[in-house]
Amino acid sequence: MAKVPPNKAIRRFCLACQGSSSKRVDECEDSDCLFFNHRLGTTPENPERSTVQQIRQYCLMCSDNNRTEVRACSAREDCHLWSFRFGCTPQTWTRVKQRVNQPRKLLLPGLG
């Protein structure tokens, strides 16, 4: 899938949910949906959570709150939200992963 911002990914997800009908997405009445306020591809004013945090919450719900399942999610080609499932942008995740996977220097006392 092409790299898109999280708000556009939610819009695409909503379009897929509503049979590719932008009119149906615009008229959606499911206010209980996590993406209801994001469905138009915009970020609402004063959101409780960031857009990527909303996606993370949805992914956890989709996997019955199993973080391991979210990590191992195989819906890469089918889900517009897949790239944001960790609650951050793919660029941020890449930087964090690189930092975490760097070899650690062993610091011994008295050797300096």
PDB file of N, CA and C in Angstrom:
ATOM      1  N   MET A   1       0.836  -1.189   0.000  1.00  0.00           N
ATOM      2  CA  MET A   1       0.000   0.000   0.000  1.00  0.00           C
ATOM      3  C   MET A   1       0.875   1.243   0.000  1.00  0.00           C
ATOM      4  N   ALA A   2       0.414   2.264  -0.632  1.00  0.00           N
ATOM      5  CA  ALA A   2       1.156   3.514  -0.695  1.00  0.00           C
ATOM      6  C   ALA A   2       1.205   4.162   0.686  1.00  0.00           C
ATOM      7  N   LYS A   3       2.264   4.922   0.916  1.00  0.00           N
ATOM      8  CA  LYS A   3       2.387   5.616   2.197  1.00  0.00           C
ATOM      9  C   LYS A   3       1.425   6.791   2.213  1.00  0.00           C
ATOM     10  N   VAL A   4       0.537   6.786   3.179  1.00  0.00           N
ATOM     11  CA  VAL A   4      -0.441   7.858   3.326  1.00  0.00           C
ATOM     12  C   VAL A   4      -0.458   8.299   4.786  1.00  0.00           C
ATOM     13  N   PRO A   5      -0.878   9.535   5.042  1.00  0.00           N
ATOM     14  CA  PRO A   5      -0.990   9.969   6.439  1.00  0.00           C
ATOM     15  C   PRO A   5      -2.117   9.203   7.137  1.00  0.00           C
ATOM     16  N   PRO A   6      -2.071   9.124   8.469  1.00  0.00           N
ATOM     17  CA  PRO A   6      -3.066   8.333   9.199  1.00  0.00           C
ATOM     18  C   PRO A   6      -4.507   8.773   8.964  1.00  0.00           C
ATOM     19  N   ASN A   7      -4.753  10.076   8.835  1.00  0.00           N
ATOM     20  CA  ASN A   7      -6.134  10.522   8.617  1.00  0.00           C
ATOM     21  C   ASN A   7      -6.660  10.043   7.261  1.00  0.00           C
ATOM     22  N   LYS A   8      -5.804   9.986   6.260  1.00  0.00           N
ATOM     23  CA  LYS A   8      -6.215   9.476   4.944  1.00  0.00           C
ATOM     24  C   LYS A   8      -6.392   7.962   4.986  1.00  0.00           C
ATOM     25  N   ALA A   9      -5.584   7.276   5.802  1.00  0.00           N
ATOM     26  CA  ALA A   9      -5.730   5.826   5.953  1.00  0.00           C
ATOM     27  C   ALA A   9      -7.090   5.503   6.568  1.00  0.00           C
ATOM     28  N   ILE A  10      -7.512   6.294   7.550  1.00  0.00           N
ATOM     29  CA  ILE A  10      -8.828   6.090   8.147  1.00  0.00           C
ATOM     30  C   ILE A  10      -9.914   6.344   7.108  1.00  0.00           C
ATOM     31  N   ARG A  11      -9.772   7.372   6.316  1.00  0.00           N
ATOM     32  CA  ARG A  11     -10.749   7.660   5.255  1.00  0.00           C
ATOM     33  C   ARG A  11     -10.866   6.464   4.310  1.00  0.00           C
ATOM     34  N   ARG A  12      -9.734   5.907   3.908  1.00  0.00           N
ATOM     35  CA  ARG A  12      -9.757   4.745   3.016  1.00  0.00           C
ATOM     36  C   ARG A  12     -10.393   3.536   3.695  1.00  0.00           C
ATOM     37  N   PHE A  13     -10.113   3.376   4.983  1.00  0.00           N
ATOM     38  CA  PHE A  13     -10.715   2.285   5.751  1.00  0.00           C
ATOM     39  C   PHE A  13     -12.239   2.447   5.775  1.00  0.00           C
ATOM     40  N   CYS A  14     -12.695   3.660   6.014  1.00  0.00           N
ATOM     41  CA  CYS A  14     -14.138   3.934   6.046  1.00  0.00           C
ATOM     42  C   CYS A  14     -14.771   3.710   4.671  1.00  0.00           C
ATOM     43  N   LEU A  15     -14.075   4.100   3.631  1.00  0.00           N
ATOM     44  CA  LEU A  15     -14.585   3.855   2.280  1.00  0.00           C
ATOM     45  C   LEU A  15     -14.738   2.357   2.031  1.00  0.00           C
ATOM     46  N   ALA A  16     -13.762   1.570   2.452  1.00  0.00           N
ATOM     47  CA  ALA A  16     -13.859   0.116   2.288  1.00  0.00           C
ATOM     48  C   ALA A  16     -15.039  -0.434   3.092  1.00  0.00           C
ATOM     49  N   CYS A  17     -15.249   0.094   4.279  1.00  0.00           N
ATOM     50  CA  CYS A  17     -16.362  -0.333   5.133  1.00  0.00           C
ATOM     51  C   CYS A  17     -17.710  -0.035   4.490  1.00  0.00           C
ATOM     52  N   GLN A  18     -17.787   1.072   3.779  1.00  0.00           N
ATOM     53  CA  GLN A  18     -19.053   1.523   3.197  1.00  0.00           C
ATOM     54  C   GLN A  18     -19.158   1.217   1.697  1.00  0.00           C
ATOM     55  N   GLY A  19     -18.443   0.204   1.238  1.00  0.00           N
ATOM     56  CA  GLY A  19     -18.573  -0.216  -0.150  1.00  0.00           C
ATOM     57  C   GLY A  19     -18.064   0.796  -1.159  1.00  0.00           C
ATOM     58  N   SER A  20     -17.034   1.513  -0.823  1.00  0.00           N
ATOM     59  CA  SER A  20     -16.402   2.523  -1.695  1.00  0.00           C
ATOM     60  C   SER A  20     -17.313   3.702  -2.019  1.00  0.00           C
ATOM     61  N   SER A  21     -18.305   3.924  -1.195  1.00  0.00           N
ATOM     62  CA  SER A  21     -19.231   5.033  -1.418  1.00  0.00           C
ATOM     63  C   SER A  21     -18.896   6.191  -0.479  1.00  0.00           C
ATOM     64  N   SER A  22     -18.364   7.270  -1.056  1.00  0.00           N
ATOM     65  CA  SER A  22     -18.037   8.428  -0.215  1.00  0.00           C
ATOM     66  C   SER A  22     -19.307   9.053   0.357  1.00  0.00           C
ATOM     67  N   LYS A  23     -20.401   8.963  -0.352  1.00  0.00           N
ATOM     68  CA  LYS A  23     -21.667   9.492   0.160  1.00  0.00           C
ATOM     69  C   LYS A  23     -22.099   8.731   1.412  1.00  0.00           C
ATOM     70  N   ARG A  24     -21.945   7.412   1.387  1.00  0.00           N
ATOM     71  CA  ARG A  24     -22.312   6.608   2.560  1.00  0.00           C
ATOM     72  C   ARG A  24     -21.384   6.892   3.738  1.00  0.00           C
ATOM     73  N   VAL A  25     -20.101   7.143   3.464  1.00  0.00           N
ATOM     74  CA  VAL A  25     -19.165   7.494   4.538  1.00  0.00           C
ATOM     75  C   VAL A  25     -19.582   8.837   5.142  1.00  0.00           C
ATOM     76  N   ASP A  26     -19.891   9.803   4.299  1.00  0.00           N
ATOM     77  CA  ASP A  26     -20.299  11.127   4.776  1.00  0.00           C
ATOM     78  C   ASP A  26     -21.571  11.058   5.608  1.00  0.00           C
ATOM     79  N   GLU A  27     -22.474  10.161   5.240  1.00  0.00           N
ATOM     80  CA  GLU A  27     -23.763  10.051   5.922  1.00  0.00           C
ATOM     81  C   GLU A  27     -23.759   9.015   7.038  1.00  0.00           C
ATOM     82  N   CYS A  28     -22.619   8.406   7.295  1.00  0.00           N
ATOM     83  CA  CYS A  28     -22.527   7.357   8.311  1.00  0.00           C
ATOM     84  C   CYS A  28     -23.066   7.872   9.650  1.00  0.00           C
ATOM     85  N   GLU A  29     -23.879   7.050  10.290  1.00  0.00           N
ATOM     86  CA  GLU A  29     -24.488   7.445  11.564  1.00  0.00           C
ATOM     87  C   GLU A  29     -23.950   6.647  12.743  1.00  0.00           C
ATOM     88  N   ASP A  30     -22.945   5.819  12.518  1.00  0.00           N
ATOM     89  CA  ASP A  30     -22.409   4.977  13.580  1.00  0.00           C
ATOM     90  C   ASP A  30     -21.483   5.778  14.486  1.00  0.00           C
ATOM     91  N   SER A  31     -22.063   6.546  15.377  1.00  0.00           N
ATOM     92  CA  SER A  31     -21.271   7.410  16.251  1.00  0.00           C
ATOM     93  C   SER A  31     -20.491   6.620  17.300  1.00  0.00           C
ATOM     94  N   ASP A  32     -20.750   5.329  17.437  1.00  0.00           N
ATOM     95  CA  ASP A  32     -19.991   4.485  18.358  1.00  0.00           C
ATOM     96  C   ASP A  32     -18.671   4.015  17.737  1.00  0.00           C
ATOM     97  N   CYS A  33     -18.527   4.188  16.439  1.00  0.00           N
ATOM     98  CA  CYS A  33     -17.301   3.779  15.746  1.00  0.00           C
ATOM     99  C   CYS A  33     -16.143   4.679  16.193  1.00  0.00           C
ATOM    100  N   LEU A  34     -14.987   4.070  16.431  1.00  0.00           N
ATOM    101  CA  LEU A  34     -13.805   4.845  16.840  1.00  0.00           C
ATOM    102  C   LEU A  34     -13.416   5.895  15.813  1.00  0.00           C
ATOM    103  N   PHE A  35     -13.755   5.649  14.552  1.00  0.00           N
ATOM    104  CA  PHE A  35     -13.337   6.539  13.477  1.00  0.00           C
ATOM    105  C   PHE A  35     -14.428   7.506  13.040  1.00  0.00           C
ATOM    106  N   PHE A  36     -15.522   7.556  13.756  1.00  0.00           N
ATOM    107  CA  PHE A  36     -16.643   8.399  13.343  1.00  0.00           C
ATOM    108  C   PHE A  36     -16.212   9.848  13.105  1.00  0.00           C
ATOM    109  N   ASN A  37     -15.453  10.420  14.020  1.00  0.00           N
ATOM    110  CA  ASN A  37     -15.031  11.819  13.876  1.00  0.00           C
ATOM    111  C   ASN A  37     -13.856  11.995  12.915  1.00  0.00           C
ATOM    112  N   HIS A  38     -13.263  10.897  12.483  1.00  0.00           N
ATOM    113  CA  HIS A  38     -12.121  10.939  11.572  1.00  0.00           C
ATOM    114  C   HIS A  38     -12.500  10.504  10.158  1.00  0.00           C
ATOM    115  N   ARG A  39     -13.739  10.053   9.967  1.00  0.00           N
ATOM    116  CA  ARG A  39     -14.140   9.382   8.729  1.00  0.00           C
ATOM    117  C   ARG A  39     -14.031  10.244   7.476  1.00  0.00           C
ATOM    118  N   LEU A  40     -14.010  11.556   7.619  1.00  0.00           N
ATOM    119  CA  LEU A  40     -13.951  12.442   6.459  1.00  0.00           C
ATOM    120  C   LEU A  40     -12.519  12.728   6.020  1.00  0.00           C
ATOM    121  N   GLY A  41     -11.562  12.088   6.674  1.00  0.00           N
ATOM    122  CA  GLY A  41     -10.161  12.286   6.303  1.00  0.00           C
ATOM    123  C   GLY A  41      -9.531  13.499   6.955  1.00  0.00           C
ATOM    124  N   THR A  42     -10.195  14.027   7.953  1.00  0.00           N
ATOM    125  CA  THR A  42      -9.676  15.192   8.671  1.00  0.00           C
ATOM    126  C   THR A  42      -9.510  14.834  10.142  1.00  0.00           C
ATOM    127  N   THR A  43      -8.737  15.617  10.834  1.00  0.00           N
ATOM    128  CA  THR A  43      -8.571  15.418  12.266  1.00  0.00           C
ATOM    129  C   THR A  43      -9.519  16.366  12.986  1.00  0.00           C
ATOM    130  N   PRO A  44     -10.363  15.835  13.876  1.00  0.00           N
ATOM    131  CA  PRO A  44     -11.304  16.705  14.589  1.00  0.00           C
ATOM    132  C   PRO A  44     -10.578  17.658  15.535  1.00  0.00           C
ATOM    133  N   GLU A  45     -11.236  18.748  15.858  1.00  0.00           N
ATOM    134  CA  GLU A  45     -10.662  19.695  16.818  1.00  0.00           C
ATOM    135  C   GLU A  45     -10.669  19.073  18.206  1.00  0.00           C
ATOM    136  N   ASN A  46      -9.581  19.271  18.940  1.00  0.00           N
ATOM    137  CA  ASN A  46      -9.446  18.796  20.319  1.00  0.00           C
ATOM    138  C   ASN A  46      -9.796  17.317  20.488  1.00  0.00           C
ATOM    139  N   PRO A  47      -9.156  16.445  19.720  1.00  0.00           N
ATOM    140  CA  PRO A  47      -9.461  15.020  19.881  1.00  0.00           C
ATOM    141  C   PRO A  47      -8.926  14.493  21.212  1.00  0.00           C
ATOM    142  N   GLU A  48      -9.594  13.471  21.763  1.00  0.00           N
ATOM    143  CA  GLU A  48      -9.121  12.865  23.010  1.00  0.00           C
ATOM    144  C   GLU A  48      -7.791  12.153  22.777  1.00  0.00           C
ATOM    145  N   ARG A  49      -7.668  11.530  21.616  1.00  0.00           N
ATOM    146  CA  ARG A  49      -6.452  10.808  21.249  1.00  0.00           C
ATOM    147  C   ARG A  49      -6.014  11.241  19.872  1.00  0.00           C
ATOM    148  N   SER A  50      -4.728  11.066  19.602  1.00  0.00           N
ATOM    149  CA  SER A  50      -4.237  11.370  18.263  1.00  0.00           C
ATOM    150  C   SER A  50      -4.811  10.340  17.284  1.00  0.00           C
ATOM    151  N   THR A  51      -4.712  10.640  16.019  1.00  0.00           N
ATOM    152  CA  THR A  51      -5.236   9.749  14.992  1.00  0.00           C
ATOM    153  C   THR A  51      -4.563   8.385  15.057  1.00  0.00           C
ATOM    154  N   VAL A  52      -3.247   8.346  15.218  1.00  0.00           N
ATOM    155  CA  VAL A  52      -2.564   7.053  15.285  1.00  0.00           C
ATOM    156  C   VAL A  52      -2.910   6.291  16.556  1.00  0.00           C
ATOM    157  N   GLN A  53      -3.193   6.990  17.634  1.00  0.00           N
ATOM    158  CA  GLN A  53      -3.626   6.319  18.863  1.00  0.00           C
ATOM    159  C   GLN A  53      -5.014   5.710  18.682  1.00  0.00           C
ATOM    160  N   GLN A  54      -5.872   6.379  17.933  1.00  0.00           N
ATOM    161  CA  GLN A  54      -7.196   5.827  17.618  1.00  0.00           C
ATOM    162  C   GLN A  54      -7.038   4.532  16.816  1.00  0.00           C
ATOM    163  N   ILE A  55      -6.116   4.554  15.852  1.00  0.00           N
ATOM    164  CA  ILE A  55      -5.882   3.358  15.044  1.00  0.00           C
ATOM    165  C   ILE A  55      -5.364   2.229  15.931  1.00  0.00           C
ATOM    166  N   ARG A  56      -4.435   2.531  16.821  1.00  0.00           N
ATOM    167  CA  ARG A  56      -3.907   1.524  17.748  1.00  0.00           C
ATOM    168  C   ARG A  56      -5.034   0.916  18.573  1.00  0.00           C
ATOM    169  N   GLN A  57      -5.923   1.739  19.087  1.00  0.00           N
ATOM    170  CA  GLN A  57      -7.038   1.251  19.886  1.00  0.00           C
ATOM    171  C   GLN A  57      -7.918   0.322  19.049  1.00  0.00           C
ATOM    172  N   TYR A  58      -8.168   0.693  17.801  1.00  0.00           N
ATOM    173  CA  TYR A  58      -8.977  -0.142  16.923  1.00  0.00           C
ATOM    174  C   TYR A  58      -8.292  -1.495  16.696  1.00  0.00           C
ATOM    175  N   CYS A  59      -6.986  -1.465  16.440  1.00  0.00           N
ATOM    176  CA  CYS A  59      -6.244  -2.706  16.194  1.00  0.00           C
ATOM    177  C   CYS A  59      -6.280  -3.623  17.423  1.00  0.00           C
ATOM    178  N   LEU A  60      -6.164  -3.044  18.598  1.00  0.00           N
ATOM    179  CA  LEU A  60      -6.262  -3.847  19.818  1.00  0.00           C
ATOM    180  C   LEU A  60      -7.657  -4.457  19.955  1.00  0.00           C
ATOM    181  N   MET A  61      -8.683  -3.689  19.639  1.00  0.00           N
ATOM    182  CA  MET A  61     -10.047  -4.220  19.692  1.00  0.00           C
ATOM    183  C   MET A  61     -10.227  -5.351  18.681  1.00  0.00           C
ATOM    184  N   CYS A  62      -9.671  -5.181  17.495  1.00  0.00           N
ATOM    185  CA  CYS A  62      -9.778  -6.174  16.435  1.00  0.00           C
ATOM    186  C   CYS A  62      -9.124  -7.488  16.849  1.00  0.00           C
ATOM    187  N   SER A  63      -8.096  -7.415  17.684  1.00  0.00           N
ATOM    188  CA  SER A  63      -7.358  -8.613  18.092  1.00  0.00           C
ATOM    189  C   SER A  63      -7.697  -9.044  19.525  1.00  0.00           C
ATOM    190  N   ASP A  64      -8.840  -8.639  20.033  1.00  0.00           N
ATOM    191  CA  ASP A  64      -9.267  -8.975  21.401  1.00  0.00           C
ATOM    192  C   ASP A  64      -8.225  -8.564  22.440  1.00  0.00           C
ATOM    193  N   ASN A  65      -7.668  -7.359  22.275  1.00  0.00           N
ATOM    194  CA  ASN A  65      -6.670  -6.787  23.187  1.00  0.00           C
ATOM    195  C   ASN A  65      -5.418  -7.648  23.325  1.00  0.00           C
ATOM    196  N   ASN A  66      -5.065  -8.362  22.268  1.00  0.00           N
ATOM    197  CA  ASN A  66      -3.870  -9.191  22.269  1.00  0.00           C
ATOM    198  C   ASN A  66      -2.768  -8.455  21.504  1.00  0.00           C
ATOM    199  N   ARG A  67      -1.824  -7.887  22.247  1.00  0.00           N
ATOM    200  CA  ARG A  67      -0.759  -7.094  21.635  1.00  0.00           C
ATOM    201  C   ARG A  67       0.114  -7.935  20.708  1.00  0.00           C
ATOM    202  N   THR A  68       0.292  -9.200  21.045  1.00  0.00           N
ATOM    203  CA  THR A  68       1.086 -10.091  20.202  1.00  0.00           C
ATOM    204  C   THR A  68       0.418 -10.275  18.844  1.00  0.00           C
ATOM    205  N   GLU A  69      -0.910 -10.388  18.851  1.00  0.00           N
ATOM    206  CA  GLU A  69      -1.644 -10.521  17.588  1.00  0.00           C
ATOM    207  C   GLU A  69      -1.548  -9.259  16.750  1.00  0.00           C
ATOM    208  N   VAL A  70      -1.568  -8.110  17.390  1.00  0.00           N
ATOM    209  CA  VAL A  70      -1.420  -6.849  16.652  1.00  0.00           C
ATOM    210  C   VAL A  70      -0.048  -6.824  15.979  1.00  0.00           C
ATOM    211  N   ARG A  71       0.976  -7.210  16.709  1.00  0.00           N
ATOM    212  CA  ARG A  71       2.333  -7.225  16.160  1.00  0.00           C
ATOM    213  C   ARG A  71       2.435  -8.195  14.983  1.00  0.00           C
ATOM    214  N   ALA A  72       1.772  -9.352  15.091  1.00  0.00           N
ATOM    215  CA  ALA A  72       1.867 -10.388  14.059  1.00  0.00           C
ATOM    216  C   ALA A  72       0.776 -10.260  12.996  1.00  0.00           C
ATOM    217  N   CYS A  73       0.028  -9.198  13.004  1.00  0.00           N
ATOM    218  CA  CYS A  73      -1.096  -9.026  12.074  1.00  0.00           C
ATOM    219  C   CYS A  73      -0.658  -9.279  10.628  1.00  0.00           C
ATOM    220  N   SER A  74      -1.441 -10.087   9.939  1.00  0.00           N
ATOM    221  CA  SER A  74      -1.092 -10.453   8.563  1.00  0.00           C
ATOM    222  C   SER A  74      -1.942  -9.714   7.529  1.00  0.00           C
ATOM    223  N   ALA A  75      -2.664  -8.709   7.951  1.00  0.00           N
ATOM    224  CA  ALA A  75      -3.573  -7.991   7.048  1.00  0.00           C
ATOM    225  C   ALA A  75      -2.887  -6.874   6.276  1.00  0.00           C
ATOM    226  N   ARG A  76      -1.597  -6.973   6.105  1.00  0.00           N
ATOM    227  CA  ARG A  76      -0.813  -5.903   5.464  1.00  0.00           C
ATOM    228  C   ARG A  76      -1.410  -5.442   4.139  1.00  0.00           C
ATOM    229  N   GLU A  77      -1.800  -6.360   3.290  1.00  0.00           N
ATOM    230  CA  GLU A  77      -2.316  -6.013   1.968  1.00  0.00           C
ATOM    231  C   GLU A  77      -3.797  -5.642   1.993  1.00  0.00           C
ATOM    232  N   ASP A  78      -4.494  -6.037   3.054  1.00  0.00           N
ATOM    233  CA  ASP A  78      -5.946  -5.863   3.095  1.00  0.00           C
ATOM    234  C   ASP A  78      -6.438  -4.701   3.952  1.00  0.00           C
ATOM    235  N   CYS A  79      -5.620  -4.234   4.873  1.00  0.00           N
ATOM    236  CA  CYS A  79      -6.079  -3.216   5.822  1.00  0.00           C
ATOM    237  C   CYS A  79      -5.312  -1.911   5.630  1.00  0.00           C
ATOM    238  N   HIS A  80      -6.043  -0.840   5.432  1.00  0.00           N
ATOM    239  CA  HIS A  80      -5.430   0.482   5.241  1.00  0.00           C
ATOM    240  C   HIS A  80      -4.777   1.000   6.519  1.00  0.00           C
ATOM    241  N   LEU A  81      -5.114   0.416   7.651  1.00  0.00           N
ATOM    242  CA  LEU A  81      -4.603   0.883   8.942  1.00  0.00           C
ATOM    243  C   LEU A  81      -3.356   0.145   9.389  1.00  0.00           C
ATOM    244  N   TRP A  82      -2.975  -0.894   8.695  1.00  0.00           N
ATOM    245  CA  TRP A  82      -1.905  -1.800   9.118  1.00  0.00           C
ATOM    246  C   TRP A  82      -0.613  -1.066   9.488  1.00  0.00           C
ATOM    247  N   SER A  83      -0.215  -0.100   8.708  1.00  0.00           N
ATOM    248  CA  SER A  83       1.052   0.607   8.943  1.00  0.00           C
ATOM    249  C   SER A  83       1.073   1.392  10.250  1.00  0.00           C
ATOM    250  N   PHE A  84      -0.088   1.671  10.807  1.00  0.00           N
ATOM    251  CA  PHE A  84      -0.180   2.494  12.014  1.00  0.00           C
ATOM    252  C   PHE A  84      -0.585   1.681  13.242  1.00  0.00           C
ATOM    253  N   ARG A  85      -0.551   0.353  13.144  1.00  0.00           N
ATOM    254  CA  ARG A  85      -1.079  -0.511  14.203  1.00  0.00           C
ATOM    255  C   ARG A  85      -0.328  -0.404  15.525  1.00  0.00           C
ATOM    256  N   PHE A  86       0.896   0.127  15.516  1.00  0.00           N
ATOM    257  CA  PHE A  86       1.658   0.274  16.759  1.00  0.00           C
ATOM    258  C   PHE A  86       1.368   1.596  17.469  1.00  0.00           C
ATOM    259  N   GLY A  87       0.513   2.426  16.915  1.00  0.00           N
ATOM    260  CA  GLY A  87       0.174   3.694  17.560  1.00  0.00           C
ATOM    261  C   GLY A  87       1.144   4.810  17.240  1.00  0.00           C
ATOM    262  N   CYS A  88       1.906   4.650  16.158  1.00  0.00           N
ATOM    263  CA  CYS A  88       2.817   5.689  15.699  1.00  0.00           C
ATOM    264  C   CYS A  88       2.933   5.578  14.185  1.00  0.00           C
ATOM    265  N   THR A  89       3.591   6.551  13.591  1.00  0.00           N
ATOM    266  CA  THR A  89       3.770   6.508  12.142  1.00  0.00           C
ATOM    267  C   THR A  89       4.844   5.472  11.795  1.00  0.00           C
ATOM    268  N   PRO A  90       4.832   4.955  10.590  1.00  0.00           N
ATOM    269  CA  PRO A  90       5.867   3.994  10.208  1.00  0.00           C
ATOM    270  C   PRO A  90       7.279   4.563  10.334  1.00  0.00           C
ATOM    271  N   GLN A  91       7.460   5.844  10.065  1.00  0.00           N
ATOM    272  CA  GLN A  91       8.779   6.464  10.185  1.00  0.00           C
ATOM    273  C   GLN A  91       9.251   6.452  11.639  1.00  0.00           C
ATOM    274  N   THR A  92       8.372   6.780  12.557  1.00  0.00           N
ATOM    275  CA  THR A  92       8.716   6.765  13.973  1.00  0.00           C
ATOM    276  C   THR A  92       9.054   5.351  14.418  1.00  0.00           C
ATOM    277  N   TRP A  93       8.242   4.387  13.995  1.00  0.00           N
ATOM    278  CA  TRP A  93       8.476   3.001  14.378  1.00  0.00           C
ATOM    279  C   TRP A  93       9.845   2.523  13.888  1.00  0.00           C
ATOM    280  N   THR A  94      10.224   2.891  12.675  1.00  0.00           N
ATOM    281  CA  THR A  94      11.520   2.492  12.124  1.00  0.00           C
ATOM    282  C   THR A  94      12.657   3.056  12.967  1.00  0.00           C
ATOM    283  N   ARG A  95      12.553   4.322  13.365  1.00  0.00           N
ATOM    284  CA  ARG A  95      13.599   4.935  14.197  1.00  0.00           C
ATOM    285  C   ARG A  95      13.687   4.254  15.559  1.00  0.00           C
ATOM    286  N   VAL A  96      12.554   3.979  16.168  1.00  0.00           N
ATOM    287  CA  VAL A  96      12.536   3.334  17.483  1.00  0.00           C
ATOM    288  C   VAL A  96      13.124   1.924  17.374  1.00  0.00           C
ATOM    289  N   LYS A  97      12.715   1.194  16.360  1.00  0.00           N
ATOM    290  CA  LYS A  97      13.195  -0.176  16.173  1.00  0.00           C
ATOM    291  C   LYS A  97      14.710  -0.195  15.972  1.00  0.00           C
ATOM    292  N   GLN A  98      15.233   0.747  15.202  1.00  0.00           N
ATOM    293  CA  GLN A  98      16.680   0.818  14.988  1.00  0.00           C
ATOM    294  C   GLN A  98      17.405   1.114  16.288  1.00  0.00           C
ATOM    295  N   ARG A  99      16.856   2.032  17.074  1.00  0.00           N
ATOM    296  CA  ARG A  99      17.488   2.399  18.339  1.00  0.00           C
ATOM    297  C   ARG A  99      17.472   1.220  19.316  1.00  0.00           C
ATOM    298  N   VAL A 100      16.367   0.508  19.382  1.00  0.00           N
ATOM    299  CA  VAL A 100      16.242  -0.620  20.303  1.00  0.00           C
ATOM    300  C   VAL A 100      17.138  -1.778  19.882  1.00  0.00           C
ATOM    301  N   ASN A 101      17.296  -1.980  18.592  1.00  0.00           N
ATOM    302  CA  ASN A 101      18.070  -3.116  18.098  1.00  0.00           C
ATOM    303  C   ASN A 101      19.572  -2.867  18.016  1.00  0.00           C
ATOM    304  N   GLN A 102      20.030  -1.665  18.351  1.00  0.00           N
ATOM    305  CA  GLN A 102      21.462  -1.386  18.343  1.00  0.00           C
ATOM    306  C   GLN A 102      22.145  -2.190  19.447  1.00  0.00           C
ATOM    307  N   PRO A 103      23.365  -2.658  19.173  1.00  0.00           N
ATOM    308  CA  PRO A 103      24.098  -3.375  20.233  1.00  0.00           C
ATOM    309  C   PRO A 103      24.370  -2.436  21.409  1.00  0.00           C
ATOM    310  N   ARG A 104      24.226  -2.955  22.584  1.00  0.00           N
ATOM    311  CA  ARG A 104      24.444  -2.155  23.800  1.00  0.00           C
ATOM    312  C   ARG A 104      25.901  -2.216  24.214  1.00  0.00           C
ATOM    313  N   LYS A 105      26.408  -1.104  24.675  1.00  0.00           N
ATOM    314  CA  LYS A 105      27.780  -1.049  25.195  1.00  0.00           C
ATOM    315  C   LYS A 105      27.726  -1.479  26.647  1.00  0.00           C
ATOM    316  N   LEU A 106      28.639  -2.344  26.985  1.00  0.00           N
ATOM    317  CA  LEU A 106      28.740  -2.808  28.356  1.00  0.00           C
ATOM    318  C   LEU A 106      29.599  -1.819  29.145  1.00  0.00           C
ATOM    319  N   LEU A 107      29.044  -1.244  30.163  1.00  0.00           N
ATOM    320  CA  LEU A 107      29.777  -0.293  30.994  1.00  0.00           C
ATOM    321  C   LEU A 107      30.181  -0.975  32.291  1.00  0.00           C
ATOM    322  N   LEU A 108      31.473  -1.127  32.479  1.00  0.00           N
ATOM    323  CA  LEU A 108      31.976  -1.758  33.695  1.00  0.00           C
ATOM    324  C   LEU A 108      32.527  -0.680  34.624  1.00  0.00           C
ATOM    325  N   PRO A 109      32.253  -0.801  35.912  1.00  0.00           N
ATOM    326  CA  PRO A 109      32.761   0.202  36.853  1.00  0.00           C
ATOM    327  C   PRO A 109      34.282   0.169  36.928  1.00  0.00           C
ATOM    328  N   GLY A 110      34.882   1.339  37.010  1.00  0.00           N
ATOM    329  CA  GLY A 110      36.319   1.467  37.152  1.00  0.00           C
ATOM    330  C   GLY A 110      37.072   1.446  35.832  1.00  0.00           C
ATOM    331  N   LEU A 111      36.355   1.133  34.741  1.00  0.00           N
ATOM    332  CA  LEU A 111      37.019   1.158  33.423  1.00  0.00           C
ATOM    333  C   LEU A 111      36.492   2.362  32.679  1.00  0.00           C
ATOM    334  N   GLY A 112      37.301   3.260  32.399  1.00  0.00           N
ATOM    335  CA  GLY A 112      36.755   4.424  31.775  1.00  0.00           C
ATOM    336  C   GLY A 112      37.586   5.000  30.801  1.00  0.00           C
TER     337      GLY A 112
END
